[in-house]
Amino acid sequence: MISPTCLHGWSILIVEDTRDIQTLRSRIVRQAGATAAVADTREAALQIVATQRIDCILLDIL
């Protein structure tokens, strides 16, 4: 089980093109207390990084 505050205050960017996986990862990140931003393309991810404070990026590279 994930501690509901282990990532409290973090902002995590999830870069994933599959909608179901986006939803799952976002839910896990939020349950851990972080804020989740989601991008489905690298261009969208770069835009988010340029305009928001991001502490961590979860990236699907395959």
PDB file of N, CA and C in Angstrom:
ATOM      1  N   MET A   1       0.834  -1.179   0.000  1.00  0.00           N
ATOM      2  CA  MET A   1       0.000   0.000   0.000  1.00  0.00           C
ATOM      3  C   MET A   1       0.881   1.246   0.000  1.00  0.00           C
ATOM      4  N   ILE A   2       0.436   2.269  -0.702  1.00  0.00           N
ATOM      5  CA  ILE A   2       1.169   3.533  -0.807  1.00  0.00           C
ATOM      6  C   ILE A   2       0.753   4.451   0.328  1.00  0.00           C
ATOM      7  N   SER A   3       1.750   5.052   0.967  1.00  0.00           N
ATOM      8  CA  SER A   3       1.446   6.037   2.001  1.00  0.00           C
ATOM      9  C   SER A   3       0.776   7.242   1.350  1.00  0.00           C
ATOM     10  N   PRO A   4      -0.333   7.730   1.902  1.00  0.00           N
ATOM     11  CA  PRO A   4      -1.059   8.836   1.273  1.00  0.00           C
ATOM     12  C   PRO A   4      -0.310  10.164   1.315  1.00  0.00           C
ATOM     13  N   THR A   5       0.827  10.221   1.965  1.00  0.00           N
ATOM     14  CA  THR A   5       1.562  11.484   2.023  1.00  0.00           C
ATOM     15  C   THR A   5       3.019  11.357   1.601  1.00  0.00           C
ATOM     16  N   CYS A   6       3.438  10.210   1.078  1.00  0.00           N
ATOM     17  CA  CYS A   6       4.857  10.022   0.781  1.00  0.00           C
ATOM     18  C   CYS A   6       5.367  10.968  -0.303  1.00  0.00           C
ATOM     19  N   LEU A   7       4.493  11.455  -1.161  1.00  0.00           N
ATOM     20  CA  LEU A   7       4.898  12.402  -2.203  1.00  0.00           C
ATOM     21  C   LEU A   7       4.178  13.749  -2.061  1.00  0.00           C
ATOM     22  N   HIS A   8       3.702  14.036  -0.867  1.00  0.00           N
ATOM     23  CA  HIS A   8       2.970  15.280  -0.628  1.00  0.00           C
ATOM     24  C   HIS A   8       3.792  16.482  -1.084  1.00  0.00           C
ATOM     25  N   GLY A   9       3.182  17.326  -1.892  1.00  0.00           N
ATOM     26  CA  GLY A   9       3.838  18.534  -2.370  1.00  0.00           C
ATOM     27  C   GLY A   9       4.607  18.372  -3.669  1.00  0.00           C
ATOM     28  N   TRP A  10       4.772  17.155  -4.136  1.00  0.00           N
ATOM     29  CA  TRP A  10       5.481  16.919  -5.389  1.00  0.00           C
ATOM     30  C   TRP A  10       4.547  17.177  -6.568  1.00  0.00           C
ATOM     31  N   SER A  11       5.140  17.566  -7.673  1.00  0.00           N
ATOM     32  CA  SER A  11       4.426  17.710  -8.934  1.00  0.00           C
ATOM     33  C   SER A  11       5.072  16.747  -9.926  1.00  0.00           C
ATOM     34  N   ILE A  12       4.298  15.782 -10.402  1.00  0.00           N
ATOM     35  CA  ILE A  12       4.831  14.722 -11.249  1.00  0.00           C
ATOM     36  C   ILE A  12       4.175  14.783 -12.622  1.00  0.00           C
ATOM     37  N   LEU A  13       5.012  14.764 -13.646  1.00  0.00           N
ATOM     38  CA  LEU A  13       4.539  14.742 -15.027  1.00  0.00           C
ATOM     39  C   LEU A  13       4.566  13.308 -15.526  1.00  0.00           C
ATOM     40  N   ILE A  14       3.440  12.850 -16.018  1.00  0.00           N
ATOM     41  CA  ILE A  14       3.309  11.516 -16.592  1.00  0.00           C
ATOM     42  C   ILE A  14       3.231  11.672 -18.099  1.00  0.00           C
ATOM     43  N   VAL A  15       4.214  11.103 -18.805  1.00  0.00           N
ATOM     44  CA  VAL A  15       4.230  11.165 -20.267  1.00  0.00           C
ATOM     45  C   VAL A  15       3.902   9.757 -20.767  1.00  0.00           C
ATOM     46  N   GLU A  16       2.709   9.629 -21.312  1.00  0.00           N
ATOM     47  CA  GLU A  16       2.194   8.309 -21.703  1.00  0.00           C
ATOM     48  C   GLU A  16       1.134   8.502 -22.776  1.00  0.00           C
ATOM     49  N   ASP A  17       1.204   7.704 -23.839  1.00  0.00           N
ATOM     50  CA  ASP A  17       0.231   7.869 -24.921  1.00  0.00           C
ATOM     51  C   ASP A  17      -1.008   6.988 -24.786  1.00  0.00           C
ATOM     52  N   THR A  18      -0.997   6.029 -23.886  1.00  0.00           N
ATOM     53  CA  THR A  18      -2.145   5.145 -23.691  1.00  0.00           C
ATOM     54  C   THR A  18      -3.027   5.685 -22.566  1.00  0.00           C
ATOM     55  N   ARG A  19      -4.263   6.006 -22.901  1.00  0.00           N
ATOM     56  CA  ARG A  19      -5.169   6.657 -21.955  1.00  0.00           C
ATOM     57  C   ARG A  19      -5.394   5.844 -20.674  1.00  0.00           C
ATOM     58  N   ASP A  20      -5.560   4.536 -20.795  1.00  0.00           N
ATOM     59  CA  ASP A  20      -5.779   3.711 -19.599  1.00  0.00           C
ATOM     60  C   ASP A  20      -4.578   3.766 -18.654  1.00  0.00           C
ATOM     61  N   ILE A  21      -3.389   3.738 -19.208  1.00  0.00           N
ATOM     62  CA  ILE A  21      -2.173   3.805 -18.391  1.00  0.00           C
ATOM     63  C   ILE A  21      -2.041   5.195 -17.766  1.00  0.00           C
ATOM     64  N   GLN A  22      -2.395   6.230 -18.513  1.00  0.00           N
ATOM     65  CA  GLN A  22      -2.404   7.597 -17.951  1.00  0.00           C
ATOM     66  C   GLN A  22      -3.283   7.653 -16.714  1.00  0.00           C
ATOM     67  N   THR A  23      -4.472   7.100 -16.833  1.00  0.00           N
ATOM     68  CA  THR A  23      -5.430   7.112 -15.725  1.00  0.00           C
ATOM     69  C   THR A  23      -4.892   6.357 -14.522  1.00  0.00           C
ATOM     70  N   LEU A  24      -4.361   5.180 -14.758  1.00  0.00           N
ATOM     71  CA  LEU A  24      -3.820   4.362 -13.671  1.00  0.00           C
ATOM     72  C   LEU A  24      -2.664   5.071 -12.966  1.00  0.00           C
ATOM     73  N   ARG A  25      -1.704   5.560 -13.733  1.00  0.00           N
ATOM     74  CA  ARG A  25      -0.542   6.226 -13.130  1.00  0.00           C
ATOM     75  C   ARG A  25      -0.950   7.505 -12.407  1.00  0.00           C
ATOM     76  N   SER A  26      -1.869   8.249 -12.970  1.00  0.00           N
ATOM     77  CA  SER A  26      -2.344   9.470 -12.310  1.00  0.00           C
ATOM     78  C   SER A  26      -2.993   9.149 -10.975  1.00  0.00           C
ATOM     79  N   ARG A  27      -3.797   8.112 -10.949  1.00  0.00           N
ATOM     80  CA  ARG A  27      -4.461   7.712  -9.715  1.00  0.00           C
ATOM     81  C   ARG A  27      -3.438   7.319  -8.644  1.00  0.00           C
ATOM     82  N   ILE A  28      -2.426   6.558  -9.020  1.00  0.00           N
ATOM     83  CA  ILE A  28      -1.382   6.141  -8.070  1.00  0.00           C
ATOM     84  C   ILE A  28      -0.623   7.347  -7.534  1.00  0.00           C
ATOM     85  N   VAL A  29      -0.268   8.260  -8.424  1.00  0.00           N
ATOM     86  CA  VAL A  29       0.470   9.467  -8.028  1.00  0.00           C
ATOM     87  C   VAL A  29      -0.361  10.306  -7.067  1.00  0.00           C
ATOM     88  N   ARG A  30      -1.639  10.485  -7.360  1.00  0.00           N
ATOM     89  CA  ARG A  30      -2.510  11.275  -6.478  1.00  0.00           C
ATOM     90  C   ARG A  30      -2.730  10.592  -5.134  1.00  0.00           C
ATOM     91  N   GLN A  31      -2.835   9.273  -5.142  1.00  0.00           N
ATOM     92  CA  GLN A  31      -2.986   8.539  -3.882  1.00  0.00           C
ATOM     93  C   GLN A  31      -1.761   8.701  -2.991  1.00  0.00           C
ATOM     94  N   ALA A  32      -0.615   8.938  -3.595  1.00  0.00           N
ATOM     95  CA  ALA A  32       0.616   9.144  -2.829  1.00  0.00           C
ATOM     96  C   ALA A  32       0.781  10.596  -2.387  1.00  0.00           C
ATOM     97  N   GLY A  33      -0.180  11.449  -2.738  1.00  0.00           N
ATOM     98  CA  GLY A  33      -0.175  12.825  -2.267  1.00  0.00           C
ATOM     99  C   GLY A  33       0.399  13.847  -3.221  1.00  0.00           C
ATOM    100  N   ALA A  34       0.797  13.423  -4.417  1.00  0.00           N
ATOM    101  CA  ALA A  34       1.384  14.349  -5.387  1.00  0.00           C
ATOM    102  C   ALA A  34       0.320  14.902  -6.330  1.00  0.00           C
ATOM    103  N   THR A  35       0.700  15.934  -7.040  1.00  0.00           N
ATOM    104  CA  THR A  35      -0.109  16.479  -8.120  1.00  0.00           C
ATOM    105  C   THR A  35       0.367  15.840  -9.416  1.00  0.00           C
ATOM    106  N   ALA A  36      -0.559  15.437 -10.274  1.00  0.00           N
ATOM    107  CA  ALA A  36      -0.201  14.782 -11.532  1.00  0.00           C
ATOM    108  C   ALA A  36      -0.573  15.662 -12.713  1.00  0.00           C
ATOM    109  N   ALA A  37       0.397  15.843 -13.612  1.00  0.00           N
ATOM    110  CA  ALA A  37       0.146  16.450 -14.913  1.00  0.00           C
ATOM    111  C   ALA A  37       0.364  15.339 -15.938  1.00  0.00           C
ATOM    112  N   VAL A  38      -0.442  15.326 -16.997  1.00  0.00           N
ATOM    113  CA  VAL A  38      -0.356  14.250 -17.982  1.00  0.00           C
ATOM    114  C   VAL A  38      -0.148  14.835 -19.367  1.00  0.00           C
ATOM    115  N   ALA A  39       0.789  14.230 -20.101  1.00  0.00           N
ATOM    116  CA  ALA A  39       1.026  14.600 -21.491  1.00  0.00           C
ATOM    117  C   ALA A  39       1.029  13.322 -22.319  1.00  0.00           C
ATOM    118  N   ASP A  40       0.451  13.395 -23.528  1.00  0.00           N
ATOM    119  CA  ASP A  40       0.428  12.207 -24.374  1.00  0.00           C
ATOM    120  C   ASP A  40       1.437  12.264 -25.523  1.00  0.00           C
ATOM    121  N   THR A  41       2.130  13.387 -25.664  1.00  0.00           N
ATOM    122  CA  THR A  41       3.183  13.517 -26.671  1.00  0.00           C
ATOM    123  C   THR A  41       4.376  14.238 -26.058  1.00  0.00           C
ATOM    124  N   ARG A  42       5.532  14.116 -26.706  1.00  0.00           N
ATOM    125  CA  ARG A  42       6.707  14.818 -26.182  1.00  0.00           C
ATOM    126  C   ARG A  42       6.538  16.331 -26.288  1.00  0.00           C
ATOM    127  N   GLU A  43       5.840  16.781 -27.337  1.00  0.00           N
ATOM    128  CA  GLU A  43       5.609  18.208 -27.486  1.00  0.00           C
ATOM    129  C   GLU A  43       4.769  18.750 -26.330  1.00  0.00           C
ATOM    130  N   ALA A  44       3.733  18.014 -25.968  1.00  0.00           N
ATOM    131  CA  ALA A  44       2.891  18.410 -24.839  1.00  0.00           C
ATOM    132  C   ALA A  44       3.691  18.385 -23.538  1.00  0.00           C
ATOM    133  N   ALA A  45       4.559  17.390 -23.386  1.00  0.00           N
ATOM    134  CA  ALA A  45       5.394  17.293 -22.184  1.00  0.00           C
ATOM    135  C   ALA A  45       6.340  18.492 -22.086  1.00  0.00           C
ATOM    136  N   LEU A  46       6.956  18.867 -23.191  1.00  0.00           N
ATOM    137  CA  LEU A  46       7.865  20.015 -23.195  1.00  0.00           C
ATOM    138  C   LEU A  46       7.126  21.302 -22.849  1.00  0.00           C
ATOM    139  N   GLN A  47       5.904  21.450 -23.326  1.00  0.00           N
ATOM    140  CA  GLN A  47       5.102  22.631 -23.004  1.00  0.00           C
ATOM    141  C   GLN A  47       4.807  22.688 -21.511  1.00  0.00           C
ATOM    142  N   ILE A  48       4.467  21.559 -20.927  1.00  0.00           N
ATOM    143  CA  ILE A  48       4.176  21.514 -19.489  1.00  0.00           C
ATOM    144  C   ILE A  48       5.431  21.848 -18.686  1.00  0.00           C
ATOM    145  N   VAL A  49       6.564  21.260 -19.068  1.00  0.00           N
ATOM    146  CA  VAL A  49       7.825  21.520 -18.359  1.00  0.00           C
ATOM    147  C   VAL A  49       8.209  22.996 -18.459  1.00  0.00           C
ATOM    148  N   ALA A  50       7.905  23.619 -19.584  1.00  0.00           N
ATOM    149  CA  ALA A  50       8.252  25.027 -19.779  1.00  0.00           C
ATOM    150  C   ALA A  50       7.370  25.976 -18.967  1.00  0.00           C
ATOM    151  N   THR A  51       6.184  25.506 -18.574  1.00  0.00           N
ATOM    152  CA  THR A  51       5.237  26.420 -17.926  1.00  0.00           C
ATOM    153  C   THR A  51       4.881  26.059 -16.485  1.00  0.00           C
ATOM    154  N   GLN A  52       5.300  24.885 -16.029  1.00  0.00           N
ATOM    155  CA  GLN A  52       4.951  24.442 -14.680  1.00  0.00           C
ATOM    156  C   GLN A  52       6.190  23.938 -13.947  1.00  0.00           C
ATOM    157  N   ARG A  53       6.112  23.969 -12.633  1.00  0.00           N
ATOM    158  CA  ARG A  53       7.186  23.382 -11.821  1.00  0.00           C
ATOM    159  C   ARG A  53       6.922  21.876 -11.747  1.00  0.00           C
ATOM    160  N   ILE A  54       7.862  21.090 -12.233  1.00  0.00           N
ATOM    161  CA  ILE A  54       7.756  19.637 -12.236  1.00  0.00           C
ATOM    162  C   ILE A  54       8.921  19.080 -11.426  1.00  0.00           C
ATOM    163  N   ASP A  55       8.613  18.210 -10.468  1.00  0.00           N
ATOM    164  CA  ASP A  55       9.649  17.612  -9.629  1.00  0.00           C
ATOM    165  C   ASP A  55      10.159  16.285 -10.170  1.00  0.00           C
ATOM    166  N   CYS A  56       9.308  15.584 -10.903  1.00  0.00           N
ATOM    167  CA  CYS A  56       9.655  14.254 -11.380  1.00  0.00           C
ATOM    168  C   CYS A  56       8.881  13.972 -12.665  1.00  0.00           C
ATOM    169  N   ILE A  57       9.510  13.234 -13.587  1.00  0.00           N
ATOM    170  CA  ILE A  57       8.844  12.850 -14.830  1.00  0.00           C
ATOM    171  C   ILE A  57       8.816  11.332 -14.919  1.00  0.00           C
ATOM    172  N   LEU A  58       7.608  10.773 -15.110  1.00  0.00           N
ATOM    173  CA  LEU A  58       7.451   9.353 -15.397  1.00  0.00           C
ATOM    174  C   LEU A  58       7.239   9.237 -16.892  1.00  0.00           C
ATOM    175  N   LEU A  59       8.164   8.550 -17.550  1.00  0.00           N
ATOM    176  CA  LEU A  59       8.209   8.561 -19.018  1.00  0.00           C
ATOM    177  C   LEU A  59       8.183   7.146 -19.572  1.00  0.00           C
ATOM    178  N   ASP A  60       7.299   6.909 -20.521  1.00  0.00           N
ATOM    179  CA  ASP A  60       7.244   5.658 -21.238  1.00  0.00           C
ATOM    180  C   ASP A  60       8.167   5.807 -22.455  1.00  0.00           C
ATOM    181  N   ILE A  61       9.239   5.032 -22.505  1.00  0.00           N
ATOM    182  CA  ILE A  61      10.204   5.218 -23.589  1.00  0.00           C
ATOM    183  C   ILE A  61      10.152   4.111 -24.644  1.00  0.00           C
ATOM    184  N   LEU A  62       9.289   3.142 -24.455  1.00  0.00           N
ATOM    185  CA  LEU A  62       9.201   2.074 -25.451  1.00  0.00           C
ATOM    186  C   LEU A  62       8.086   2.305 -26.418  1.00  0.00           C
TER     187      LEU A  62
END
